[in-house]
């Protein structure tokens, strides 16, 4: 009596057909993305692995001291040293390379999109439900088209991470541009500033602290995808977590998991410190 009527839709089939169509018709584009992303991640990972371990730790200490405090810098350096003692140094470098590549591409796509949304109500209206869907869709779903377009490996992980991590920087960039003091904009217009001059000399500098908050959120969301991305062949700390689950290895699981926590703390505090310094500089100026 209360059964649902025999009405069915094939929306999922339509989406599958669309993905297949895109894969066939834009094969060259996806090959370009694959090669471009591969070069970035290989360059970053190669540089990090080439750098002496003590130089990397010293760099972390300096960044922590400059953007937070000397105690914080020493603590962050101790975190990184501890990860090395777990035997996870190369996995740490790989994870950082994946996260950095995903963040670089996210910012290259997200900041211009946010600026466009701030200046175009029509584009903003179209993008808002898309961003809502990107943020609320279960992150596991992104792995399916990633595998379809790029196969297993780090590039699929970057693609899935990009979809999950790019909305915060787009939203906060739009908010930051729209929140610039109207009187400042009117003053610039009265002096004959063009739209490009206002954007690069007034609006973006004024909006930079809020945009940096978006960078922080995007970076943290990219890091949150590390373990999930290991399911499509991504290497690094997430892979070690997945191995520990498969082998029921409590020791490896704890060490890999706490390493991700340490990395998240370091990234969050340093990027947050950058935003705080920009905010203080803006208030002083």
Protein backbone atom coordinates (compact mmCIF):
# COMPACT_ATOMS: atom_id res chain seq x y z
CA UNK A 1 0.00 0.00 0.00
CA UNK A 2 2.77 2.39 0.94
CA UNK A 3 5.20 1.18 -1.70
CA UNK A 4 6.79 3.72 -4.00
CA UNK A 5 5.22 3.76 -7.47
CA UNK A 6 7.12 2.02 -10.26
CA UNK A 7 8.63 5.21 -11.65
CA UNK A 8 12.33 5.10 -12.46
CA UNK A 9 14.80 7.59 -13.83
CA UNK A 10 18.16 6.98 -15.45
CA UNK A 11 19.96 10.12 -14.31
CA UNK A 12 23.04 8.13 -13.32
CA UNK A 13 23.23 6.61 -16.79
CA UNK A 14 23.10 10.07 -18.33
CA UNK A 15 25.98 11.20 -16.12
CA UNK A 16 27.97 8.09 -17.08
CA UNK A 17 27.35 8.81 -20.76
CA UNK A 18 28.47 12.41 -20.25
CA UNK A 19 31.71 11.29 -18.59
CA UNK A 20 32.39 8.84 -21.44
CA UNK A 21 31.66 11.57 -24.00
CA UNK A 22 34.06 13.98 -22.27
CA UNK A 23 36.75 11.30 -22.06
CA UNK A 24 36.50 10.57 -25.80
CA UNK A 25 36.08 14.11 -27.11
CA UNK A 26 38.56 15.84 -24.75
CA UNK A 27 41.24 13.15 -24.66
CA UNK A 28 43.95 15.63 -25.65
CA UNK A 29 42.91 18.04 -22.91
CA UNK A 30 43.01 15.36 -20.22
CA UNK A 31 46.39 14.16 -21.52
CA UNK A 32 47.66 17.73 -21.18
CA UNK A 33 46.36 17.92 -17.60
CA UNK A 34 48.02 14.60 -16.83
CA UNK A 35 51.39 15.68 -18.21
CA UNK A 36 51.20 19.14 -16.63
CA UNK A 37 50.27 17.77 -13.20
CA UNK A 38 52.89 15.03 -13.46
CA UNK A 39 55.63 17.56 -14.15
CA UNK A 40 54.60 19.74 -11.20
CA UNK A 41 54.34 16.90 -8.70
CA UNK A 42 57.57 15.25 -9.90
CA UNK A 43 59.45 18.55 -9.69
CA UNK A 44 58.19 19.33 -6.18
CA UNK A 45 58.77 15.80 -4.90
CA UNK A 46 62.21 15.61 -6.49
CA UNK A 47 63.23 18.92 -4.94
CA UNK A 48 61.95 17.95 -1.49
CA UNK A 49 63.74 14.59 -1.60
CA UNK A 50 66.94 16.28 -2.85
CA UNK A 51 66.88 18.79 0.02
CA UNK A 52 68.83 17.61 3.10
CA UNK A 53 66.50 16.61 5.92
CA UNK A 54 68.00 19.10 8.35
CA UNK A 55 67.54 21.97 5.87
CA UNK A 56 63.85 21.11 5.51
CA UNK A 57 63.39 20.98 9.29
CA UNK A 58 65.27 24.28 9.68
CA UNK A 59 62.99 25.84 7.06
CA UNK A 60 59.93 24.67 9.00
CA UNK A 61 61.38 26.12 12.23
CA UNK A 62 62.04 29.48 10.53
CA UNK A 63 58.55 29.65 9.03
CA UNK A 64 56.97 28.72 12.36
CA UNK A 65 59.05 31.32 14.19
CA UNK A 66 58.33 34.08 11.66
CA UNK A 67 54.59 33.53 11.34
CA UNK A 68 53.81 32.34 14.88
CA UNK A 69 56.53 32.24 17.55
CA UNK A 70 59.94 30.73 18.28
CA UNK A 71 58.36 28.07 20.50
CA UNK A 72 55.94 27.16 17.71
CA UNK A 73 58.76 26.92 15.18
CA UNK A 74 60.79 24.57 17.38
CA UNK A 75 57.66 22.47 18.04
CA UNK A 76 56.88 22.19 14.33
CA UNK A 77 60.47 21.18 13.64
CA UNK A 78 60.21 18.51 16.35
CA UNK A 79 57.02 17.20 14.70
CA UNK A 80 58.78 16.81 11.35
CA UNK A 81 61.81 15.17 12.96
CA UNK A 82 59.52 12.71 14.74
CA UNK A 83 57.86 11.78 11.43
CA UNK A 84 61.33 11.01 10.09
CA UNK A 85 62.04 8.72 13.03
CA UNK A 86 58.93 6.73 12.09
CA UNK A 87 60.63 5.87 8.78
CA UNK A 88 58.05 7.91 6.87
CA UNK A 89 60.27 10.71 5.54
CA UNK A 90 59.84 9.89 1.84
CA UNK A 91 56.10 9.36 2.33
CA UNK A 92 55.91 12.78 4.00
CA UNK A 93 57.65 14.43 1.04
CA UNK A 94 55.32 12.67 -1.40
CA UNK A 95 52.26 13.79 0.57
CA UNK A 96 53.50 17.38 0.66
CA UNK A 97 54.12 17.26 -3.10
CA UNK A 98 50.58 15.98 -3.76
CA UNK A 99 49.01 18.59 -1.48
CA UNK A 100 51.12 21.43 -2.90
CA UNK A 101 50.29 20.46 -6.49
CA UNK A 102 46.58 20.27 -5.71
CA UNK A 103 46.69 23.63 -3.92
CA UNK A 104 48.64 25.33 -6.73
CA UNK A 105 46.12 24.19 -9.33
CA UNK A 106 43.21 25.01 -7.00
CA UNK A 107 44.47 28.58 -6.54
CA UNK A 108 45.14 28.98 -10.27
CA UNK A 109 41.52 28.01 -10.95
CA UNK A 110 39.84 29.31 -7.79
CA UNK A 111 41.11 32.88 -7.40
CA UNK A 112 40.27 34.01 -10.97
CA UNK A 113 36.88 32.26 -10.68
CA UNK A 114 36.18 34.06 -7.41
CA UNK A 115 37.13 37.41 -8.93
CA UNK A 116 34.85 36.70 -11.92
CA UNK A 117 31.98 35.80 -9.58
CA UNK A 118 32.51 39.06 -7.68
CA UNK A 119 32.11 41.09 -10.87
CA UNK A 120 29.41 39.01 -12.57
CA UNK A 121 26.14 38.28 -10.80
CA UNK A 122 25.10 35.92 -13.60
CA UNK A 123 28.25 33.83 -13.29
CA UNK A 124 27.91 33.86 -9.50
CA UNK A 125 24.32 32.63 -9.73
CA UNK A 126 25.38 29.73 -11.96
CA UNK A 127 28.42 28.81 -9.86
CA UNK A 128 26.84 28.83 -6.39
CA UNK A 129 24.81 25.59 -6.76
CA UNK A 130 27.78 23.96 -8.48
CA UNK A 131 30.03 24.86 -5.54
CA UNK A 132 27.36 23.60 -3.13
CA UNK A 133 27.32 20.27 -4.94
CA UNK A 134 31.12 20.06 -4.99
CA UNK A 135 31.29 20.60 -1.22
CA UNK A 136 28.42 18.32 -0.23
CA UNK A 137 28.95 15.40 -2.61
CA UNK A 138 30.65 12.48 -0.78
CA UNK A 139 34.35 12.74 -1.54
CA UNK A 140 34.52 9.05 -2.51
CA UNK A 141 32.35 9.83 -5.55
CA UNK A 142 35.09 12.05 -7.00
CA UNK A 143 37.40 9.05 -7.20
CA UNK A 144 35.27 7.40 -9.92
CA UNK A 145 35.71 10.01 -12.70
CA UNK A 146 39.32 10.53 -11.56
CA UNK A 147 40.09 6.87 -12.29
CA UNK A 148 38.15 7.05 -15.56
CA UNK A 149 40.06 10.09 -16.86
CA UNK A 150 43.56 9.48 -15.45
CA UNK A 151 43.77 5.87 -14.23
CA UNK A 152 45.28 4.92 -10.89
CA UNK A 153 48.01 7.04 -9.33
CA UNK A 154 48.86 10.45 -7.92
CA UNK A 155 47.26 12.40 -10.79
CA UNK A 156 43.84 10.89 -10.06
CA UNK A 157 44.34 11.86 -6.44
CA UNK A 158 45.10 15.45 -7.45
CA UNK A 159 42.02 15.59 -9.69
CA UNK A 160 39.72 14.31 -6.94
CA UNK A 161 41.36 16.61 -4.39
CA UNK A 162 40.95 19.58 -6.72
CA UNK A 163 37.18 19.15 -6.95
CA UNK A 164 36.90 18.83 -3.16
CA UNK A 165 39.32 21.61 -2.20
CA UNK A 166 38.72 24.42 -4.72
CA UNK A 167 35.29 25.73 -3.50
CA UNK A 168 36.55 27.48 -0.31
CA UNK A 169 39.05 29.68 -2.13
CA UNK A 170 36.45 30.56 -4.80
CA UNK A 171 33.84 31.52 -2.20
CA UNK A 172 36.22 33.50 0.01
CA UNK A 173 37.78 35.30 -2.96
CA UNK A 174 34.33 36.42 -4.12
CA UNK A 175 33.42 37.48 -0.57
CA UNK A 176 36.70 39.35 -0.15
CA UNK A 177 36.33 41.31 -3.40
CA UNK A 178 32.70 42.17 -2.66
CA UNK A 179 33.61 43.28 0.88
CA UNK A 180 36.13 45.94 -0.16
CA UNK A 181 35.10 49.34 1.21
CA UNK A 182 32.86 51.04 -1.33
CA UNK A 183 34.26 54.47 -0.46
CA UNK A 184 37.76 53.33 -1.41
CA UNK A 185 36.49 52.10 -4.78
CA UNK A 186 34.62 55.36 -5.41
CA UNK A 187 37.74 57.36 -4.56
CA UNK A 188 39.77 55.33 -7.06
CA UNK A 189 37.10 55.85 -9.71
CA UNK A 190 37.11 59.59 -9.08
CA UNK A 191 40.85 59.64 -9.85
CA UNK A 192 40.24 57.88 -13.16
CA UNK A 193 41.43 54.39 -12.28
CA UNK A 194 40.51 51.69 -14.75
CA UNK A 195 38.83 48.46 -13.69
CA UNK A 196 42.13 46.55 -13.96
CA UNK A 197 43.96 49.18 -11.91
CA UNK A 198 41.31 49.03 -9.20
CA UNK A 199 41.44 45.24 -9.15
CA UNK A 200 45.23 44.88 -8.86
CA UNK A 201 46.07 48.00 -6.86
CA UNK A 202 43.08 48.30 -4.53
CA UNK A 203 40.65 45.40 -4.41
CA UNK A 204 43.07 42.43 -4.39
CA UNK A 205 45.45 44.01 -1.82
CA UNK A 206 42.48 44.88 0.41
CA UNK A 207 41.00 41.42 -0.03
CA UNK A 208 44.28 39.52 0.43
CA UNK A 209 43.81 38.57 4.13
CA UNK A 210 40.44 36.99 3.42
CA UNK A 211 41.79 35.28 0.30
CA UNK A 212 44.60 33.84 2.44
CA UNK A 213 41.95 32.40 4.76
CA UNK A 214 40.55 30.68 1.67
CA UNK A 215 44.04 29.39 0.83
CA UNK A 216 44.24 27.97 4.35
CA UNK A 217 40.89 26.20 4.02
CA UNK A 218 41.74 24.86 0.57
CA UNK A 219 45.07 23.49 1.82
CA UNK A 220 43.46 21.79 4.81
CA UNK A 221 40.75 20.22 2.64
CA UNK A 222 43.42 19.00 0.22
CA UNK A 223 45.23 17.37 3.13
CA UNK A 224 41.96 15.82 4.30
CA UNK A 225 41.78 13.96 0.97
CA UNK A 226 45.17 12.29 1.48
CA UNK A 227 43.82 9.06 2.96
CA UNK A 228 40.81 8.88 0.63
CA UNK A 229 43.01 9.50 -2.41
CA UNK A 230 45.16 6.52 -1.46
CA UNK A 231 42.26 4.35 -2.66
CA UNK A 232 43.06 5.39 -6.24
CA UNK A 233 46.76 4.66 -5.94
CA UNK A 234 48.02 7.91 -4.38
CA UNK A 235 51.29 7.39 -2.55
CA UNK A 236 52.49 8.98 0.65
CA UNK A 237 51.17 8.93 4.20
CA UNK A 238 47.64 8.09 3.07
CA UNK A 239 48.92 4.95 1.39
CA UNK A 240 50.53 3.87 4.66
CA UNK A 241 47.22 4.37 6.48
CA UNK A 242 45.49 2.20 3.88
CA UNK A 243 48.18 -0.48 4.21
CA UNK A 244 47.80 -0.48 7.98
CA UNK A 245 44.04 -0.98 7.62
CA UNK A 246 44.49 -3.89 5.22
CA UNK A 247 47.09 -5.53 7.45
CA UNK A 248 45.44 -4.50 10.74
CA UNK A 249 48.79 -2.98 11.71
CA UNK A 250 48.06 -0.76 14.72
CA UNK A 251 51.63 0.56 15.00
CA UNK A 252 51.86 1.65 11.35
CA UNK A 253 48.35 3.06 11.44
CA UNK A 254 49.12 5.20 14.50
CA UNK A 255 52.42 6.47 13.14
CA UNK A 256 51.02 7.32 9.70
CA UNK A 257 47.89 8.84 11.23
CA UNK A 258 49.72 10.99 13.76
CA UNK A 259 52.10 12.10 10.99
CA UNK A 260 49.12 13.42 9.02
CA UNK A 261 47.91 15.20 12.18
CA UNK A 262 51.35 16.81 12.67
CA UNK A 263 51.43 17.92 9.04
CA UNK A 264 47.90 19.35 9.31
CA UNK A 265 48.86 21.34 12.44
CA UNK A 266 51.98 22.75 10.77
CA UNK A 267 50.18 23.75 7.56
CA UNK A 268 47.19 25.22 9.41
CA UNK A 269 49.28 27.30 11.81
CA UNK A 270 51.70 28.61 9.19
CA UNK A 271 49.07 29.52 6.58
CA UNK A 272 46.91 30.99 9.36
CA UNK A 273 49.91 33.03 10.49
CA UNK A 274 50.35 34.39 6.97
CA UNK A 275 46.71 35.57 6.98
CA UNK A 276 47.13 37.14 10.45
CA UNK A 277 50.24 39.07 9.40
CA UNK A 278 48.50 40.35 6.28
CA UNK A 279 45.54 41.44 8.40
CA UNK A 280 47.81 43.28 10.86
CA UNK A 281 49.69 44.94 8.00
CA UNK A 282 46.40 46.05 6.48
CA UNK A 283 45.26 47.62 9.77
CA UNK A 284 48.56 49.44 10.24
CA UNK A 285 48.55 50.79 6.69
